[in-house]
Amino acid sequence: MRSRYCAFSRGNAAYLQKSWAAETRPLTLTLDPAQRWTGLTIRRHDVTGPDTARVRFTATWRKGTQTGRLTEISRFRREGLGWVYVDGTSD
């Protein structure tokens, strides 16, 4: 989760695509360069199986004078040596 947040904050779409499960990965990903991610708080982490986990987080952002937050419960799956993002639901 933290590595994906860093990729969002740095505009690294290639890493986000690479760390996304193939069955839910979008064909293209366009990031808004005017949107700045300003903070990440991991609220909860649950191991849901030998190779699956769920993370509840809040990420904050700024775009010009606007600010906002995204709270999501994300599902991850271990693939090889790393973890991939499967999907998420707003919380």
PDB file of N, CA and C in Angstrom:
ATOM      1  N   MET A   1       0.823  -1.187   0.000  1.00  0.00           N
ATOM      2  CA  MET A   1       0.000   0.000   0.000  1.00  0.00           C
ATOM      3  C   MET A   1       0.865   1.247   0.000  1.00  0.00           C
ATOM      4  N   ARG A   2       1.851   1.270   0.857  1.00  0.00           N
ATOM      5  CA  ARG A   2       2.705   2.467   0.933  1.00  0.00           C
ATOM      6  C   ARG A   2       3.453   2.715  -0.374  1.00  0.00           C
ATOM      7  N   SER A   3       3.902   1.651  -1.020  1.00  0.00           N
ATOM      8  CA  SER A   3       4.629   1.849  -2.276  1.00  0.00           C
ATOM      9  C   SER A   3       3.698   2.394  -3.361  1.00  0.00           C
ATOM     10  N   ARG A   4       2.440   1.964  -3.368  1.00  0.00           N
ATOM     11  CA  ARG A   4       1.491   2.499  -4.355  1.00  0.00           C
ATOM     12  C   ARG A   4       1.171   3.957  -4.060  1.00  0.00           C
ATOM     13  N   TYR A   5       1.049   4.314  -2.774  1.00  0.00           N
ATOM     14  CA  TYR A   5       0.823   5.716  -2.421  1.00  0.00           C
ATOM     15  C   TYR A   5       2.005   6.559  -2.915  1.00  0.00           C
ATOM     16  N   CYS A   6       3.223   6.092  -2.683  1.00  0.00           N
ATOM     17  CA  CYS A   6       4.409   6.832  -3.155  1.00  0.00           C
ATOM     18  C   CYS A   6       4.379   6.973  -4.672  1.00  0.00           C
ATOM     19  N   ALA A   7       3.961   5.923  -5.367  1.00  0.00           N
ATOM     20  CA  ALA A   7       3.885   5.993  -6.829  1.00  0.00           C
ATOM     21  C   ALA A   7       2.842   7.025  -7.265  1.00  0.00           C
ATOM     22  N   PHE A   8       1.692   7.065  -6.591  1.00  0.00           N
ATOM     23  CA  PHE A   8       0.702   8.097  -6.900  1.00  0.00           C
ATOM     24  C   PHE A   8       1.293   9.476  -6.653  1.00  0.00           C
ATOM     25  N   SER A   9       1.956   9.652  -5.516  1.00  0.00           N
ATOM     26  CA  SER A   9       2.472  10.980  -5.168  1.00  0.00           C
ATOM     27  C   SER A   9       3.595  11.427  -6.095  1.00  0.00           C
ATOM     28  N   ARG A  10       4.291  10.489  -6.720  1.00  0.00           N
ATOM     29  CA  ARG A  10       5.386  10.820  -7.634  1.00  0.00           C
ATOM     30  C   ARG A  10       4.972  10.768  -9.101  1.00  0.00           C
ATOM     31  N   GLY A  11       3.709  10.408  -9.345  1.00  0.00           N
ATOM     32  CA  GLY A  11       3.231  10.334 -10.722  1.00  0.00           C
ATOM     33  C   GLY A  11       3.783   9.150 -11.495  1.00  0.00           C
ATOM     34  N   ASN A  12       4.098   8.068 -10.811  1.00  0.00           N
ATOM     35  CA  ASN A  12       4.718   6.902 -11.437  1.00  0.00           C
ATOM     36  C   ASN A  12       3.647   5.903 -11.897  1.00  0.00           C
ATOM     37  N   ALA A  13       3.010   6.200 -13.016  1.00  0.00           N
ATOM     38  CA  ALA A  13       1.936   5.353 -13.540  1.00  0.00           C
ATOM     39  C   ALA A  13       2.441   3.956 -13.903  1.00  0.00           C
ATOM     40  N   ALA A  14       3.668   3.834 -14.361  1.00  0.00           N
ATOM     41  CA  ALA A  14       4.215   2.526 -14.737  1.00  0.00           C
ATOM     42  C   ALA A  14       4.249   1.587 -13.539  1.00  0.00           C
ATOM     43  N   TYR A  15       4.682   2.080 -12.378  1.00  0.00           N
ATOM     44  CA  TYR A  15       4.709   1.238 -11.176  1.00  0.00           C
ATOM     45  C   TYR A  15       3.291   0.859 -10.756  1.00  0.00           C
ATOM     46  N   LEU A  16       2.364   1.806 -10.836  1.00  0.00           N
ATOM     47  CA  LEU A  16       0.980   1.513 -10.457  1.00  0.00           C
ATOM     48  C   LEU A  16       0.405   0.409 -11.334  1.00  0.00           C
ATOM     49  N   GLN A  17       0.660   0.469 -12.631  1.00  0.00           N
ATOM     50  CA  GLN A  17       0.199  -0.583 -13.543  1.00  0.00           C
ATOM     51  C   GLN A  17       0.838  -1.927 -13.186  1.00  0.00           C
ATOM     52  N   LYS A  18       2.128  -1.906 -12.921  1.00  0.00           N
ATOM     53  CA  LYS A  18       2.866  -3.137 -12.609  1.00  0.00           C
ATOM     54  C   LYS A  18       2.373  -3.784 -11.311  1.00  0.00           C
ATOM     55  N   SER A  19       1.955  -2.964 -10.351  1.00  0.00           N
ATOM     56  CA  SER A  19       1.546  -3.485  -9.045  1.00  0.00           C
ATOM     57  C   SER A  19       0.029  -3.677  -8.937  1.00  0.00           C
ATOM     58  N   TRP A  20      -0.643  -3.755 -10.079  1.00  0.00           N
ATOM     59  CA  TRP A  20      -2.100  -3.922 -10.139  1.00  0.00           C
ATOM     60  C   TRP A  20      -2.386  -5.312 -10.683  1.00  0.00           C
ATOM     61  N   ALA A  21      -3.301  -6.058 -10.079  1.00  0.00           N
ATOM     62  CA  ALA A  21      -3.659  -7.399 -10.545  1.00  0.00           C
ATOM     63  C   ALA A  21      -4.152  -7.332 -11.994  1.00  0.00           C
ATOM     64  N   ALA A  22      -3.703  -8.265 -12.802  1.00  0.00           N
ATOM     65  CA  ALA A  22      -4.003  -8.252 -14.238  1.00  0.00           C
ATOM     66  C   ALA A  22      -5.497  -8.221 -14.522  1.00  0.00           C
ATOM     67  N   GLU A  23      -6.292  -8.908 -13.715  1.00  0.00           N
ATOM     68  CA  GLU A  23      -7.723  -9.008 -14.010  1.00  0.00           C
ATOM     69  C   GLU A  23      -8.510  -7.735 -13.697  1.00  0.00           C
ATOM     70  N   THR A  24      -7.931  -6.820 -12.940  1.00  0.00           N
ATOM     71  CA  THR A  24      -8.630  -5.566 -12.623  1.00  0.00           C
ATOM     72  C   THR A  24      -7.865  -4.332 -13.095  1.00  0.00           C
ATOM     73  N   ARG A  25      -6.696  -4.514 -13.657  1.00  0.00           N
ATOM     74  CA  ARG A  25      -5.842  -3.406 -14.107  1.00  0.00           C
ATOM     75  C   ARG A  25      -6.472  -2.686 -15.295  1.00  0.00           C
ATOM     76  N   PRO A  26      -6.542  -1.357 -15.240  1.00  0.00           N
ATOM     77  CA  PRO A  26      -7.032  -0.634 -16.419  1.00  0.00           C
ATOM     78  C   PRO A  26      -6.003  -0.683 -17.547  1.00  0.00           C
ATOM     79  N   LEU A  27      -6.489  -0.591 -18.772  1.00  0.00           N
ATOM     80  CA  LEU A  27      -5.581  -0.627 -19.921  1.00  0.00           C
ATOM     81  C   LEU A  27      -4.651   0.579 -19.928  1.00  0.00           C
ATOM     82  N   THR A  28      -5.172   1.730 -19.525  1.00  0.00           N
ATOM     83  CA  THR A  28      -4.355   2.939 -19.430  1.00  0.00           C
ATOM     84  C   THR A  28      -4.653   3.610 -18.094  1.00  0.00           C
ATOM     85  N   LEU A  29      -3.716   4.373 -17.642  1.00  0.00           N
ATOM     86  CA  LEU A  29      -3.867   5.081 -16.379  1.00  0.00           C
ATOM     87  C   LEU A  29      -3.322   6.487 -16.563  1.00  0.00           C
ATOM     88  N   THR A  30      -4.172   7.470 -16.366  1.00  0.00           N
ATOM     89  CA  THR A  30      -3.769   8.860 -16.490  1.00  0.00           C
ATOM     90  C   THR A  30      -3.842   9.513 -15.119  1.00  0.00           C
ATOM     91  N   LEU A  31      -2.729  10.035 -14.667  1.00  0.00           N
ATOM     92  CA  LEU A  31      -2.675  10.719 -13.380  1.00  0.00           C
ATOM     93  C   LEU A  31      -2.746  12.219 -13.597  1.00  0.00           C
ATOM     94  N   ASP A  32      -3.383  12.912 -12.692  1.00  0.00           N
ATOM     95  CA  ASP A  32      -3.519  14.367 -12.783  1.00  0.00           C
ATOM     96  C   ASP A  32      -2.283  15.011 -12.160  1.00  0.00           C
ATOM     97  N   PRO A  33      -1.419  15.641 -12.946  1.00  0.00           N
ATOM     98  CA  PRO A  33      -0.194  16.225 -12.386  1.00  0.00           C
ATOM     99  C   PRO A  33      -0.468  17.398 -11.444  1.00  0.00           C
ATOM    100  N   ALA A  34      -1.666  17.975 -11.491  1.00  0.00           N
ATOM    101  CA  ALA A  34      -1.997  19.087 -10.592  1.00  0.00           C
ATOM    102  C   ALA A  34      -2.435  18.601  -9.213  1.00  0.00           C
ATOM    103  N   GLN A  35      -2.760  17.316  -9.108  1.00  0.00           N
ATOM    104  CA  GLN A  35      -3.196  16.772  -7.822  1.00  0.00           C
ATOM    105  C   GLN A  35      -1.985  16.279  -7.039  1.00  0.00           C
ATOM    106  N   ARG A  36      -1.810  16.797  -5.847  1.00  0.00           N
ATOM    107  CA  ARG A  36      -0.689  16.426  -4.977  1.00  0.00           C
ATOM    108  C   ARG A  36      -1.213  15.604  -3.804  1.00  0.00           C
ATOM    109  N   TRP A  37      -0.651  14.427  -3.636  1.00  0.00           N
ATOM    110  CA  TRP A  37      -1.012  13.586  -2.502  1.00  0.00           C
ATOM    111  C   TRP A  37      -0.190  14.057  -1.317  1.00  0.00           C
ATOM    112  N   THR A  38      -0.850  14.335  -0.195  1.00  0.00           N
ATOM    113  CA  THR A  38      -0.195  15.015   0.917  1.00  0.00           C
ATOM    114  C   THR A  38      -0.074  14.184   2.191  1.00  0.00           C
ATOM    115  N   GLY A  39      -0.675  13.005   2.223  1.00  0.00           N
ATOM    116  CA  GLY A  39      -0.553  12.195   3.433  1.00  0.00           C
ATOM    117  C   GLY A  39      -1.224  10.846   3.302  1.00  0.00           C
ATOM    118  N   LEU A  40      -0.719   9.880   4.052  1.00  0.00           N
ATOM    119  CA  LEU A  40      -1.282   8.528   4.066  1.00  0.00           C
ATOM    120  C   LEU A  40      -1.337   8.045   5.499  1.00  0.00           C
ATOM    121  N   THR A  41      -2.504   7.565   5.909  1.00  0.00           N
ATOM    122  CA  THR A  41      -2.664   6.934   7.219  1.00  0.00           C
ATOM    123  C   THR A  41      -3.259   5.546   7.005  1.00  0.00           C
ATOM    124  N   ILE A  42      -2.530   4.534   7.441  1.00  0.00           N
ATOM    125  CA  ILE A  42      -3.044   3.165   7.394  1.00  0.00           C
ATOM    126  C   ILE A  42      -3.916   2.988   8.637  1.00  0.00           C
ATOM    127  N   ARG A  43      -5.190   2.726   8.431  1.00  0.00           N
ATOM    128  CA  ARG A  43      -6.145   2.592   9.542  1.00  0.00           C
ATOM    129  C   ARG A  43      -6.205   1.170  10.077  1.00  0.00           C
ATOM    130  N   ARG A  44      -6.077   0.203   9.176  1.00  0.00           N
ATOM    131  CA  ARG A  44      -6.186  -1.196   9.593  1.00  0.00           C
ATOM    132  C   ARG A  44      -5.584  -2.087   8.515  1.00  0.00           C
ATOM    133  N   HIS A  45      -5.020  -3.187   8.947  1.00  0.00           N
ATOM    134  CA  HIS A  45      -4.455  -4.178   8.036  1.00  0.00           C
ATOM    135  C   HIS A  45      -4.915  -5.547   8.522  1.00  0.00           C
ATOM    136  N   ASP A  46      -5.538  -6.319   7.644  1.00  0.00           N
ATOM    137  CA  ASP A  46      -6.021  -7.651   8.004  1.00  0.00           C
ATOM    138  C   ASP A  46      -5.484  -8.675   7.028  1.00  0.00           C
ATOM    139  N   VAL A  47      -4.908  -9.744   7.546  1.00  0.00           N
ATOM    140  CA  VAL A  47      -4.529 -10.879   6.719  1.00  0.00           C
ATOM    141  C   VAL A  47      -5.800 -11.693   6.538  1.00  0.00           C
ATOM    142  N   THR A  48      -6.198 -11.914   5.286  1.00  0.00           N
ATOM    143  CA  THR A  48      -7.459 -12.604   5.014  1.00  0.00           C
ATOM    144  C   THR A  48      -7.249 -14.016   4.484  1.00  0.00           C
ATOM    145  N   GLY A  49      -6.017 -14.397   4.244  1.00  0.00           N
ATOM    146  CA  GLY A  49      -5.676 -15.726   3.763  1.00  0.00           C
ATOM    147  C   GLY A  49      -4.171 -15.835   3.649  1.00  0.00           C
ATOM    148  N   PRO A  50      -3.665 -16.991   3.240  1.00  0.00           N
ATOM    149  CA  PRO A  50      -2.208 -17.162   3.160  1.00  0.00           C
ATOM    150  C   PRO A  50      -1.538 -16.191   2.185  1.00  0.00           C
ATOM    151  N   ASP A  51      -2.264 -15.768   1.157  1.00  0.00           N
ATOM    152  CA  ASP A  51      -1.698 -14.871   0.155  1.00  0.00           C
ATOM    153  C   ASP A  51      -2.608 -13.686  -0.142  1.00  0.00           C
ATOM    154  N   THR A  52      -3.455 -13.317   0.811  1.00  0.00           N
ATOM    155  CA  THR A  52      -4.370 -12.195   0.611  1.00  0.00           C
ATOM    156  C   THR A  52      -4.423 -11.319   1.860  1.00  0.00           C
ATOM    157  N   ALA A  53      -4.699 -10.054   1.635  1.00  0.00           N
ATOM    158  CA  ALA A  53      -4.798  -9.107   2.754  1.00  0.00           C
ATOM    159  C   ALA A  53      -5.718  -7.964   2.354  1.00  0.00           C
ATOM    160  N   ARG A  54      -6.149  -7.261   3.377  1.00  0.00           N
ATOM    161  CA  ARG A  54      -7.013  -6.099   3.173  1.00  0.00           C
ATOM    162  C   ARG A  54      -6.415  -4.949   3.976  1.00  0.00           C
ATOM    163  N   VAL A  55      -6.423  -3.749   3.389  1.00  0.00           N
ATOM    164  CA  VAL A  55      -5.867  -2.558   4.048  1.00  0.00           C
ATOM    165  C   VAL A  55      -6.914  -1.451   3.991  1.00  0.00           C
ATOM    166  N   ARG A  56      -7.207  -0.864   5.146  1.00  0.00           N
ATOM    167  CA  ARG A  56      -8.078   0.315   5.192  1.00  0.00           C
ATOM    168  C   ARG A  56      -7.174   1.517   5.408  1.00  0.00           C
ATOM    169  N   PHE A  57      -7.302   2.518   4.549  1.00  0.00           N
ATOM    170  CA  PHE A  57      -6.417   3.674   4.622  1.00  0.00           C
ATOM    171  C   PHE A  57      -7.175   4.949   4.317  1.00  0.00           C
ATOM    172  N   THR A  58      -6.554   6.060   4.688  1.00  0.00           N
ATOM    173  CA  THR A  58      -7.014   7.383   4.283  1.00  0.00           C
ATOM    174  C   THR A  58      -5.830   8.104   3.671  1.00  0.00           C
ATOM    175  N   ALA A  59      -6.026   8.620   2.458  1.00  0.00           N
ATOM    176  CA  ALA A  59      -5.003   9.419   1.780  1.00  0.00           C
ATOM    177  C   ALA A  59      -5.578  10.814   1.565  1.00  0.00           C
ATOM    178  N   THR A  60      -4.760  11.819   1.780  1.00  0.00           N
ATOM    179  CA  THR A  60      -5.206  13.200   1.596  1.00  0.00           C
ATOM    180  C   THR A  60      -4.514  13.800   0.383  1.00  0.00           C
ATOM    181  N   TRP A  61      -5.185  14.774  -0.239  1.00  0.00           N
ATOM    182  CA  TRP A  61      -4.663  15.395  -1.450  1.00  0.00           C
ATOM    183  C   TRP A  61      -5.000  16.876  -1.483  1.00  0.00           C
ATOM    184  N   ARG A  62      -4.281  17.548  -2.372  1.00  0.00           N
ATOM    185  CA  ARG A  62      -4.495  18.975  -2.625  1.00  0.00           C
ATOM    186  C   ARG A  62      -4.406  19.188  -4.133  1.00  0.00           C
ATOM    187  N   LYS A  63      -5.312  20.029  -4.641  1.00  0.00           N
ATOM    188  CA  LYS A  63      -5.278  20.420  -6.048  1.00  0.00           C
ATOM    189  C   LYS A  63      -5.635  21.900  -6.081  1.00  0.00           C
ATOM    190  N   GLY A  64      -4.616  22.716  -6.259  1.00  0.00           N
ATOM    191  CA  GLY A  64      -4.819  24.163  -6.171  1.00  0.00           C
ATOM    192  C   GLY A  64      -5.250  24.521  -4.759  1.00  0.00           C
ATOM    193  N   THR A  65      -6.415  25.130  -4.625  1.00  0.00           N
ATOM    194  CA  THR A  65      -6.914  25.494  -3.293  1.00  0.00           C
ATOM    195  C   THR A  65      -7.850  24.436  -2.729  1.00  0.00           C
ATOM    196  N   GLN A  66      -8.152  23.405  -3.506  1.00  0.00           N
ATOM    197  CA  GLN A  66      -9.021  22.330  -3.031  1.00  0.00           C
ATOM    198  C   GLN A  66      -8.215  21.304  -2.255  1.00  0.00           C
ATOM    199  N   THR A  67      -8.825  20.728  -1.233  1.00  0.00           N
ATOM    200  CA  THR A  67      -8.235  19.608  -0.511  1.00  0.00           C
ATOM    201  C   THR A  67      -9.285  18.518  -0.392  1.00  0.00           C
ATOM    202  N   GLY A  68      -8.824  17.309  -0.181  1.00  0.00           N
ATOM    203  CA  GLY A  68      -9.762  16.208  -0.037  1.00  0.00           C
ATOM    204  C   GLY A  68      -9.100  15.004   0.586  1.00  0.00           C
ATOM    205  N   ARG A  69      -9.911  13.996   0.774  1.00  0.00           N
ATOM    206  CA  ARG A  69      -9.392  12.746   1.322  1.00  0.00           C
ATOM    207  C   ARG A  69     -10.079  11.578   0.654  1.00  0.00           C
ATOM    208  N   LEU A  70      -9.355  10.503   0.549  1.00  0.00           N
ATOM    209  CA  LEU A  70      -9.859   9.251   0.010  1.00  0.00           C
ATOM    210  C   LEU A  70      -9.707   8.208   1.106  1.00  0.00           C
ATOM    211  N   THR A  71     -10.800   7.607   1.510  1.00  0.00           N
ATOM    212  CA  THR A  71     -10.746   6.495   2.462  1.00  0.00           C
ATOM    213  C   THR A  71     -11.237   5.264   1.722  1.00  0.00           C
ATOM    214  N   GLU A  72     -10.446   4.212   1.763  1.00  0.00           N
ATOM    215  CA  GLU A  72     -10.742   3.017   0.976  1.00  0.00           C
ATOM    216  C   GLU A  72     -10.337   1.773   1.741  1.00  0.00           C
ATOM    217  N   ILE A  73     -11.024   0.693   1.459  1.00  0.00           N
ATOM    218  CA  ILE A  73     -10.599  -0.641   1.889  1.00  0.00           C
ATOM    219  C   ILE A  73     -10.118  -1.344   0.626  1.00  0.00           C
ATOM    220  N   SER A  74      -8.829  -1.630   0.574  1.00  0.00           N
ATOM    221  CA  SER A  74      -8.205  -2.220  -0.608  1.00  0.00           C
ATOM    222  C   SER A  74      -7.884  -3.684  -0.362  1.00  0.00           C
ATOM    223  N   ARG A  75      -8.072  -4.489  -1.401  1.00  0.00           N
ATOM    224  CA  ARG A  75      -7.686  -5.898  -1.328  1.00  0.00           C
ATOM    225  C   ARG A  75      -6.388  -6.101  -2.103  1.00  0.00           C
ATOM    226  N   PHE A  76      -5.487  -6.873  -1.510  1.00  0.00           N
ATOM    227  CA  PHE A  76      -4.198  -7.187  -2.117  1.00  0.00           C
ATOM    228  C   PHE A  76      -3.993  -8.691  -2.152  1.00  0.00           C
ATOM    229  N   ARG A  77      -3.181  -9.134  -3.112  1.00  0.00           N
ATOM    230  CA  ARG A  77      -2.852 -10.551  -3.250  1.00  0.00           C
ATOM    231  C   ARG A  77      -1.351 -10.686  -3.496  1.00  0.00           C
ATOM    232  N   ARG A  78      -0.751 -11.653  -2.852  1.00  0.00           N
ATOM    233  CA  ARG A  78       0.665 -11.922  -3.079  1.00  0.00           C
ATOM    234  C   ARG A  78       0.836 -12.640  -4.415  1.00  0.00           C
ATOM    235  N   GLU A  79       1.738 -12.118  -5.222  1.00  0.00           N
ATOM    236  CA  GLU A  79       2.116 -12.766  -6.484  1.00  0.00           C
ATOM    237  C   GLU A  79       3.624 -12.806  -6.532  1.00  0.00           C
ATOM    238  N   GLY A  80       4.172 -13.988  -6.507  1.00  0.00           N
ATOM    239  CA  GLY A  80       5.625 -14.117  -6.469  1.00  0.00           C
ATOM    240  C   GLY A  80       6.160 -13.529  -5.184  1.00  0.00           C
ATOM    241  N   LEU A  81       7.112 -12.611  -5.304  1.00  0.00           N
ATOM    242  CA  LEU A  81       7.727 -12.000  -4.127  1.00  0.00           C
ATOM    243  C   LEU A  81       7.032 -10.725  -3.671  1.00  0.00           C
ATOM    244  N   GLY A  82       6.049 -10.259  -4.444  1.00  0.00           N
ATOM    245  CA  GLY A  82       5.412  -8.989  -4.106  1.00  0.00           C
ATOM    246  C   GLY A  82       3.907  -9.106  -3.962  1.00  0.00           C
ATOM    247  N   TRP A  83       3.299  -7.967  -3.730  1.00  0.00           N
ATOM    248  CA  TRP A  83       1.849  -7.874  -3.565  1.00  0.00           C
ATOM    249  C   TRP A  83       1.279  -7.025  -4.688  1.00  0.00           C
ATOM    250  N   VAL A  84       0.075  -7.371  -5.152  1.00  0.00           N
ATOM    251  CA  VAL A  84      -0.611  -6.587  -6.165  1.00  0.00           C
ATOM    252  C   VAL A  84      -1.948  -6.124  -5.620  1.00  0.00           C
ATOM    253  N   TYR A  85      -2.350  -4.947  -6.059  1.00  0.00           N
ATOM    254  CA  TYR A  85      -3.649  -4.378  -5.718  1.00  0.00           C
ATOM    255  C   TYR A  85      -4.710  -5.089  -6.555  1.00  0.00           C
ATOM    256  N   VAL A  86      -5.742  -5.604  -5.914  1.00  0.00           N
ATOM    257  CA  VAL A  86      -6.818  -6.284  -6.626  1.00  0.00           C
ATOM    258  C   VAL A  86      -7.957  -5.302  -6.898  1.00  0.00           C
ATOM    259  N   ASP A  87      -8.493  -4.720  -5.833  1.00  0.00           N
ATOM    260  CA  ASP A  87      -9.568  -3.752  -5.977  1.00  0.00           C
ATOM    261  C   ASP A  87      -9.793  -3.067  -4.642  1.00  0.00           C
ATOM    262  N   GLY A  88     -10.703  -2.098  -4.648  1.00  0.00           N
ATOM    263  CA  GLY A  88     -10.977  -1.378  -3.418  1.00  0.00           C
ATOM    264  C   GLY A  88     -12.394  -0.833  -3.409  1.00  0.00           C
ATOM    265  N   THR A  89     -12.889  -0.574  -2.212  1.00  0.00           N
ATOM    266  CA  THR A  89     -14.199   0.038  -2.046  1.00  0.00           C
ATOM    267  C   THR A  89     -14.051   1.250  -1.155  1.00  0.00           C
ATOM    268  N   SER A  90     -14.763   2.304  -1.518  1.00  0.00           N
ATOM    269  CA  SER A  90     -14.730   3.520  -0.698  1.00  0.00           C
ATOM    270  C   SER A  90     -15.373   3.230   0.647  1.00  0.00           C
ATOM    271  N   ASP A  91     -14.801   3.836   1.657  1.00  0.00           N
ATOM    272  CA  ASP A  91     -15.291   3.602   3.012  1.00  0.00           C
ATOM    273  C   ASP A  91     -15.795   4.898   3.597  1.00  0.00           C
TER     274      ASP A  91
END
